[in-house]
PDB file of N, CA and C in Angstrom:
ATOM      1  N   MET A   1      11.418  41.969   0.050  1.00  0.00           N
ATOM      2  CA  MET A   1      10.336  41.035   0.316  1.00  0.00           C
ATOM      3  C   MET A   1      10.644  39.714  -0.388  1.00  0.00           C
ATOM      4  N   GLN A   2      10.320  38.646   0.298  1.00  0.00           N
ATOM      5  CA  GLN A   2      10.469  37.301  -0.257  1.00  0.00           C
ATOM      6  C   GLN A   2       9.104  36.622  -0.296  1.00  0.00           C
ATOM      7  N   THR A   3       8.947  35.699  -1.215  1.00  0.00           N
ATOM      8  CA  THR A   3       7.718  34.916  -1.280  1.00  0.00           C
ATOM      9  C   THR A   3       7.919  33.626  -0.499  1.00  0.00           C
ATOM     10  N   TYR A   4       6.950  33.316   0.341  1.00  0.00           N
ATOM     11  CA  TYR A   4       6.954  32.087   1.136  1.00  0.00           C
ATOM     12  C   TYR A   4       5.708  31.289   0.787  1.00  0.00           C
ATOM     13  N   TYR A   5       5.854  29.981   0.828  1.00  0.00           N
ATOM     14  CA  TYR A   5       4.758  29.072   0.502  1.00  0.00           C
ATOM     15  C   TYR A   5       4.395  28.285   1.749  1.00  0.00           C
ATOM     16  N   PHE A   6       3.109  28.045   1.918  1.00  0.00           N
ATOM     17  CA  PHE A   6       2.599  27.395   3.123  1.00  0.00           C
ATOM     18  C   PHE A   6       1.891  26.113   2.717  1.00  0.00           C
ATOM     19  N   ASP A   7       2.660  25.026   2.682  1.00  0.00           N
ATOM     20  CA  ASP A   7       2.134  23.729   2.274  1.00  0.00           C
ATOM     21  C   ASP A   7       1.493  23.024   3.457  1.00  0.00           C
ATOM     22  N   MET A   8       0.491  22.213   3.158  1.00  0.00           N
ATOM     23  CA  MET A   8      -0.121  21.337   4.150  1.00  0.00           C
ATOM     24  C   MET A   8       0.468  19.947   3.923  1.00  0.00           C
ATOM     25  N   LYS A   9       0.870  19.283   4.991  1.00  0.00           N
ATOM     26  CA  LYS A   9       1.443  17.937   4.865  1.00  0.00           C
ATOM     27  C   LYS A   9       0.834  17.015   5.900  1.00  0.00           C
ATOM     28  N   ASP A  10       0.429  15.850   5.425  1.00  0.00           N
ATOM     29  CA  ASP A  10      -0.039  14.780   6.307  1.00  0.00           C
ATOM     30  C   ASP A  10       0.364  13.451   5.692  1.00  0.00           C
ATOM     31  N   GLY A  11       1.562  13.416   5.182  1.00  0.00           N
ATOM     32  CA  GLY A  11       2.041  12.268   4.417  1.00  0.00           C
ATOM     33  C   GLY A  11       2.141  12.655   2.956  1.00  0.00           C
ATOM     34  N   VAL A  12       1.071  13.213   2.410  1.00  0.00           N
ATOM     35  CA  VAL A  12       1.054  13.702   1.038  1.00  0.00           C
ATOM     36  C   VAL A  12       0.905  15.225   1.093  1.00  0.00           C
ATOM     37  N   PRO A  13       1.869  15.975   0.503  1.00  0.00           N
ATOM     38  CA  PRO A  13       1.779  17.436   0.604  1.00  0.00           C
ATOM     39  C   PRO A  13       0.702  18.032  -0.301  1.00  0.00           C
ATOM     40  N   VAL A  14       0.088  19.094   0.185  1.00  0.00           N
ATOM     41  CA  VAL A  14      -0.809  19.922  -0.618  1.00  0.00           C
ATOM     42  C   VAL A  14      -0.053  21.221  -0.828  1.00  0.00           C
ATOM     43  N   ARG A  15       0.353  21.481  -2.057  1.00  0.00           N
ATOM     44  CA  ARG A  15       1.222  22.610  -2.368  1.00  0.00           C
ATOM     45  C   ARG A  15       0.482  23.932  -2.455  1.00  0.00           C
ATOM     46  N   ASP A  16       1.076  24.939  -1.855  1.00  0.00           N
ATOM     47  CA  ASP A  16       0.633  26.329  -1.977  1.00  0.00           C
ATOM     48  C   ASP A  16       1.299  26.870  -3.237  1.00  0.00           C
ATOM     49  N   ARG A  17       0.524  27.164  -4.256  1.00  0.00           N
ATOM     50  CA  ARG A  17       1.084  27.629  -5.529  1.00  0.00           C
ATOM     51  C   ARG A  17       1.227  29.151  -5.600  1.00  0.00           C
ATOM     52  N   ALA A  18       0.488  29.885  -4.760  1.00  0.00           N
ATOM     53  CA  ALA A  18       0.494  31.344  -4.837  1.00  0.00           C
ATOM     54  C   ALA A  18       1.559  31.970  -3.934  1.00  0.00           C
ATOM     55  N   GLY A  19       1.620  31.516  -2.695  1.00  0.00           N
ATOM     56  CA  GLY A  19       2.561  32.082  -1.740  1.00  0.00           C
ATOM     57  C   GLY A  19       2.142  33.458  -1.257  1.00  0.00           C
ATOM     58  N   LEU A  20       2.859  33.930  -0.252  1.00  0.00           N
ATOM     59  CA  LEU A  20       2.650  35.262   0.317  1.00  0.00           C
ATOM     60  C   LEU A  20       4.013  35.905   0.530  1.00  0.00           C
ATOM     61  N   GLU A  21       4.048  37.227   0.477  1.00  0.00           N
ATOM     62  CA  GLU A  21       5.303  37.935   0.677  1.00  0.00           C
ATOM     63  C   GLU A  21       5.441  38.411   2.121  1.00  0.00           C
ATOM     64  N   PHE A  22       6.642  38.220   2.663  1.00  0.00           N
ATOM     65  CA  PHE A  22       7.004  38.702   3.983  1.00  0.00           C
ATOM     66  C   PHE A  22       8.418  39.244   3.918  1.00  0.00           C
ATOM     67  N   ARG A  23       8.735  40.143   4.827  1.00  0.00           N
ATOM     68  CA  ARG A  23      10.086  40.722   4.866  1.00  0.00           C
ATOM     69  C   ARG A  23      11.109  39.750   5.454  1.00  0.00           C
ATOM     70  N   THR A  24      10.681  38.953   6.437  1.00  0.00           N
ATOM     71  CA  THR A  24      11.627  38.080   7.137  1.00  0.00           C
ATOM     72  C   THR A  24      11.064  36.675   7.303  1.00  0.00           C
ATOM     73  N   ASP A  25      11.973  35.740   7.543  1.00  0.00           N
ATOM     74  CA  ASP A  25      11.560  34.367   7.867  1.00  0.00           C
ATOM     75  C   ASP A  25      10.663  34.371   9.098  1.00  0.00           C
ATOM     76  N   SER A  26      11.006  35.197  10.084  1.00  0.00           N
ATOM     77  CA  SER A  26      10.238  35.239  11.338  1.00  0.00           C
ATOM     78  C   SER A  26       8.781  35.615  11.104  1.00  0.00           C
ATOM     79  N   GLN A  27       8.547  36.565  10.211  1.00  0.00           N
ATOM     80  CA  GLN A  27       7.167  36.954   9.907  1.00  0.00           C
ATOM     81  C   GLN A  27       6.415  35.811   9.234  1.00  0.00           C
ATOM     82  N   ALA A  28       7.086  35.098   8.326  1.00  0.00           N
ATOM     83  CA  ALA A  28       6.456  33.960   7.660  1.00  0.00           C
ATOM     84  C   ALA A  28       6.150  32.851   8.661  1.00  0.00           C
ATOM     85  N   ILE A  29       7.041  32.624   9.601  1.00  0.00           N
ATOM     86  CA  ILE A  29       6.831  31.598  10.627  1.00  0.00           C
ATOM     87  C   ILE A  29       5.664  31.974  11.531  1.00  0.00           C
ATOM     88  N   MET A  30       5.560  33.252  11.889  1.00  0.00           N
ATOM     89  CA  MET A  30       4.420  33.690  12.709  1.00  0.00           C
ATOM     90  C   MET A  30       3.106  33.450  11.957  1.00  0.00           C
ATOM     91  N   HIS A  31       3.096  33.710  10.657  1.00  0.00           N
ATOM     92  CA  HIS A  31       1.896  33.469   9.849  1.00  0.00           C
ATOM     93  C   HIS A  31       1.574  31.968   9.833  1.00  0.00           C
ATOM     94  N   CYS A  32       2.579  31.138   9.709  1.00  0.00           N
ATOM     95  CA  CYS A  32       2.406  29.681   9.722  1.00  0.00           C
ATOM     96  C   CYS A  32       1.765  29.228  11.033  1.00  0.00           C
ATOM     97  N   LYS A  33       2.239  29.755  12.139  1.00  0.00           N
ATOM     98  CA  LYS A  33       1.686  29.392  13.450  1.00  0.00           C
ATOM     99  C   LYS A  33       0.209  29.775  13.542  1.00  0.00           C
ATOM    100  N   GLU A  34      -0.135  30.936  12.987  1.00  0.00           N
ATOM    101  CA  GLU A  34      -1.526  31.387  12.993  1.00  0.00           C
ATOM    102  C   GLU A  34      -2.389  30.478  12.109  1.00  0.00           C
ATOM    103  N   LEU A  35      -1.878  30.093  10.944  1.00  0.00           N
ATOM    104  CA  LEU A  35      -2.622  29.169  10.073  1.00  0.00           C
ATOM    105  C   LEU A  35      -2.894  27.847  10.788  1.00  0.00           C
ATOM    106  N   ALA A  36      -1.878  27.297  11.417  1.00  0.00           N
ATOM    107  CA  ALA A  36      -2.025  26.022  12.125  1.00  0.00           C
ATOM    108  C   ALA A  36      -3.057  26.149  13.246  1.00  0.00           C
ATOM    109  N   ARG A  37      -3.015  27.276  13.961  1.00  0.00           N
ATOM    110  CA  ARG A  37      -3.979  27.497  15.042  1.00  0.00           C
ATOM    111  C   ARG A  37      -5.407  27.546  14.492  1.00  0.00           C
ATOM    112  N   ARG A  38      -5.591  28.259  13.385  1.00  0.00           N
ATOM    113  CA  ARG A  38      -6.926  28.341  12.770  1.00  0.00           C
ATOM    114  C   ARG A  38      -7.424  26.970  12.327  1.00  0.00           C
ATOM    115  N   PHE A  39      -6.542  26.210  11.671  1.00  0.00           N
ATOM    116  CA  PHE A  39      -6.946  24.879  11.215  1.00  0.00           C
ATOM    117  C   PHE A  39      -7.310  23.982  12.391  1.00  0.00           C
ATOM    118  N   SER A  40      -6.587  24.098  13.488  1.00  0.00           N
ATOM    119  CA  SER A  40      -6.877  23.241  14.646  1.00  0.00           C
ATOM    120  C   SER A  40      -8.241  23.573  15.246  1.00  0.00           C
ATOM    121  N   HIS A  41      -8.634  24.840  15.188  1.00  0.00           N
ATOM    122  CA  HIS A  41      -9.941  25.232  15.728  1.00  0.00           C
ATOM    123  C   HIS A  41     -11.090  24.868  14.799  1.00  0.00           C
ATOM    124  N   GLU A  42     -10.831  24.829  13.486  1.00  0.00           N
ATOM    125  CA  GLU A  42     -11.877  24.453  12.533  1.00  0.00           C
ATOM    126  C   GLU A  42     -12.213  22.971  12.641  1.00  0.00           C
ATOM    127  N   ARG A  43     -11.207  22.162  12.936  1.00  0.00           N
ATOM    128  CA  ARG A  43     -11.362  20.714  13.132  1.00  0.00           C
ATOM    129  C   ARG A  43     -12.185  20.047  12.029  1.00  0.00           C
ATOM    130  N   LEU A  44     -11.903  20.426  10.791  1.00  0.00           N
ATOM    131  CA  LEU A  44     -12.581  19.787   9.662  1.00  0.00           C
ATOM    132  C   LEU A  44     -12.159  18.322   9.549  1.00  0.00           C
ATOM    133  N   VAL A  45     -10.894  18.079   9.794  1.00  0.00           N
ATOM    134  CA  VAL A  45     -10.346  16.723   9.765  1.00  0.00           C
ATOM    135  C   VAL A  45      -9.398  16.602  10.946  1.00  0.00           C
ATOM    136  N   ARG A  46      -9.543  15.562  11.714  1.00  0.00           N
ATOM    137  CA  ARG A  46      -8.625  15.349  12.836  1.00  0.00           C
ATOM    138  C   ARG A  46      -7.554  14.370  12.383  1.00  0.00           C
ATOM    139  N   ASP A  47      -6.453  14.929  11.891  1.00  0.00           N
ATOM    140  CA  ASP A  47      -5.320  14.122  11.458  1.00  0.00           C
ATOM    141  C   ASP A  47      -4.126  14.559  12.298  1.00  0.00           C
ATOM    142  N   ASP A  48      -3.720  13.710  13.217  1.00  0.00           N
ATOM    143  CA  ASP A  48      -2.634  14.062  14.125  1.00  0.00           C
ATOM    144  C   ASP A  48      -1.311  14.286  13.410  1.00  0.00           C
ATOM    145  N   ASN A  49      -1.209  13.883  12.147  1.00  0.00           N
ATOM    146  CA  ASN A  49       0.018  14.062  11.376  1.00  0.00           C
ATOM    147  C   ASN A  49      -0.049  15.268  10.447  1.00  0.00           C
ATOM    148  N   LEU A  50      -1.001  16.176  10.671  1.00  0.00           N
ATOM    149  CA  LEU A  50      -1.172  17.334   9.807  1.00  0.00           C
ATOM    150  C   LEU A  50      -0.256  18.478  10.255  1.00  0.00           C
ATOM    151  N   PHE A  51       0.513  19.007   9.303  1.00  0.00           N
ATOM    152  CA  PHE A  51       1.437  20.109   9.548  1.00  0.00           C
ATOM    153  C   PHE A  51       1.239  21.200   8.512  1.00  0.00           C
ATOM    154  N   VAL A  52       1.562  22.434   8.887  1.00  0.00           N
ATOM    155  CA  VAL A  52       1.726  23.530   7.934  1.00  0.00           C
ATOM    156  C   VAL A  52       3.237  23.740   7.829  1.00  0.00           C
ATOM    157  N   VAL A  53       3.740  23.727   6.597  1.00  0.00           N
ATOM    158  CA  VAL A  53       5.171  23.822   6.360  1.00  0.00           C
ATOM    159  C   VAL A  53       5.470  25.103   5.595  1.00  0.00           C
ATOM    160  N   VAL A  54       6.472  25.860   6.052  1.00  0.00           N
ATOM    161  CA  VAL A  54       6.881  27.087   5.371  1.00  0.00           C
ATOM    162  C   VAL A  54       8.061  26.763   4.454  1.00  0.00           C
ATOM    163  N   ILE A  55       7.902  27.116   3.176  1.00  0.00           N
ATOM    164  CA  ILE A  55       8.936  26.917   2.168  1.00  0.00           C
ATOM    165  C   ILE A  55       9.358  28.296   1.665  1.00  0.00           C
ATOM    166  N   ASN A  56      10.664  28.570   1.640  1.00  0.00           N
ATOM    167  CA  ASN A  56      11.116  29.868   1.146  1.00  0.00           C
ATOM    168  C   ASN A  56      11.256  29.854  -0.379  1.00  0.00           C
ATOM    169  N   GLU A  57      11.643  30.997  -0.947  1.00  0.00           N
ATOM    170  CA  GLU A  57      11.760  31.114  -2.406  1.00  0.00           C
ATOM    171  C   GLU A  57      12.745  30.125  -3.005  1.00  0.00           C
ATOM    172  N   SER A  58      13.740  29.737  -2.237  1.00  0.00           N
ATOM    173  CA  SER A  58      14.748  28.788  -2.719  1.00  0.00           C
ATOM    174  C   SER A  58      14.257  27.351  -2.682  1.00  0.00           C
ATOM    175  N   GLY A  59      13.084  27.136  -2.098  1.00  0.00           N
ATOM    176  CA  GLY A  59      12.533  25.791  -1.996  1.00  0.00           C
ATOM    177  C   GLY A  59      12.908  25.052  -0.734  1.00  0.00           C
ATOM    178  N   ALA A  60      13.557  25.749   0.203  1.00  0.00           N
ATOM    179  CA  ALA A  60      13.971  25.121   1.462  1.00  0.00           C
ATOM    180  C   ALA A  60      12.866  25.251   2.512  1.00  0.00           C
ATOM    181  N   GLU A  61      12.652  24.168   3.240  1.00  0.00           N
ATOM    182  CA  GLU A  61      11.710  24.198   4.360  1.00  0.00           C
ATOM    183  C   GLU A  61      12.372  24.943   5.513  1.00  0.00           C
ATOM    184  N   ILE A  62      11.708  25.999   6.011  1.00  0.00           N
ATOM    185  CA  ILE A  62      12.295  26.757   7.120  1.00  0.00           C
ATOM    186  C   ILE A  62      11.560  26.555   8.435  1.00  0.00           C
ATOM    187  N   HIS A  63      10.349  25.997   8.354  1.00  0.00           N
ATOM    188  CA  HIS A  63       9.592  25.760   9.586  1.00  0.00           C
ATOM    189  C   HIS A  63       8.485  24.753   9.316  1.00  0.00           C
ATOM    190  N   ARG A  64       8.153  23.984  10.353  1.00  0.00           N
ATOM    191  CA  ARG A  64       7.066  23.015  10.294  1.00  0.00           C
ATOM    192  C   ARG A  64       6.275  23.155  11.589  1.00  0.00           C
ATOM    193  N   GLU A  65       4.966  23.405  11.453  1.00  0.00           N
ATOM    194  CA  GLU A  65       4.110  23.619  12.623  1.00  0.00           C
ATOM    195  C   GLU A  65       2.998  22.578  12.642  1.00  0.00           C
ATOM    196  N   ALA A  66       2.896  21.831  13.725  1.00  0.00           N
ATOM    197  CA  ALA A  66       1.834  20.840  13.871  1.00  0.00           C
ATOM    198  C   ALA A  66       0.497  21.544  14.054  1.00  0.00           C
ATOM    199  N   VAL A  67      -0.516  21.088  13.341  1.00  0.00           N
ATOM    200  CA  VAL A  67      -1.858  21.643  13.502  1.00  0.00           C
ATOM    201  C   VAL A  67      -2.430  21.203  14.844  1.00  0.00           C
ATOM    202  N   TYR A  68      -2.095  20.007  15.257  1.00  0.00           N
ATOM    203  CA  TYR A  68      -2.525  19.492  16.564  1.00  0.00           C
ATOM    204  C   TYR A  68      -1.284  19.300  17.434  1.00  0.00           C
ATOM    205  N   PRO A  69      -0.802  20.380  18.051  1.00  0.00           N
ATOM    206  CA  PRO A  69       0.474  20.324  18.775  1.00  0.00           C
ATOM    207  C   PRO A  69       0.478  19.432  19.999  1.00  0.00           C
ATOM    208  N   ASP A  70      -0.697  19.006  20.460  1.00  0.00           N
ATOM    209  CA  ASP A  70      -0.726  18.104  21.612  1.00  0.00           C
ATOM    210  C   ASP A  70      -0.129  16.746  21.271  1.00  0.00           C
ATOM    211  N   THR A  71       0.017  16.445  19.980  1.00  0.00           N
ATOM    212  CA  THR A  71       0.589  15.168  19.579  1.00  0.00           C
ATOM    213  C   THR A  71       1.969  15.297  18.947  1.00  0.00           C
ATOM    214  N   HIS A  72       2.374  16.545  18.606  1.00  0.00           N
ATOM    215  CA  HIS A  72       3.671  16.787  17.970  1.00  0.00           C
ATOM    216  C   HIS A  72       4.261  18.074  18.485  1.00  0.00           C
ATOM    217  N   ARG A  73       5.574  18.193  18.355  1.00  0.00           N
ATOM    218  CA  ARG A  73       6.251  19.441  18.677  1.00  0.00           C
ATOM    219  C   ARG A  73       6.613  20.142  17.382  1.00  0.00           C
ATOM    220  N   ALA A  74       6.480  21.477  17.333  1.00  0.00           N
ATOM    221  CA  ALA A  74       6.867  22.264  16.155  1.00  0.00           C
ATOM    222  C   ALA A  74       8.387  22.297  16.072  1.00  0.00           C
ATOM    223  N   THR A  75       8.904  22.374  14.839  1.00  0.00           N
ATOM    224  CA  THR A  75      10.340  22.436  14.641  1.00  0.00           C
ATOM    225  C   THR A  75      10.694  23.539  13.666  1.00  0.00           C
ATOM    226  N   SER A  76      11.861  24.118  13.858  1.00  0.00           N
ATOM    227  CA  SER A  76      12.410  25.114  12.926  1.00  0.00           C
ATOM    228  C   SER A  76      13.693  24.569  12.367  1.00  0.00           C
ATOM    229  N   ALA A  77      13.970  24.918  11.133  1.00  0.00           N
ATOM    230  CA  ALA A  77      15.223  24.506  10.505  1.00  0.00           C
ATOM    231  C   ALA A  77      16.329  25.465  10.889  1.00  0.00           C
TER     232      ALA A  77
END
């Protein structure tokens, strides 16, 4: 199991200090997609530049998911 961190970014990152454990990068990415989907439905703030970013234990960004995908495309490293 590895610990993955799910930061929020809209220019200034909001760091996830606790992280969650997953067996694979793919599982962490699926969780990231679900987080972004939930945030988009809550619509607390409409910031077209808002992303959920997955950071692995080594500190490398492995995935970036747009909360509002109609304005951005998701990317994987």
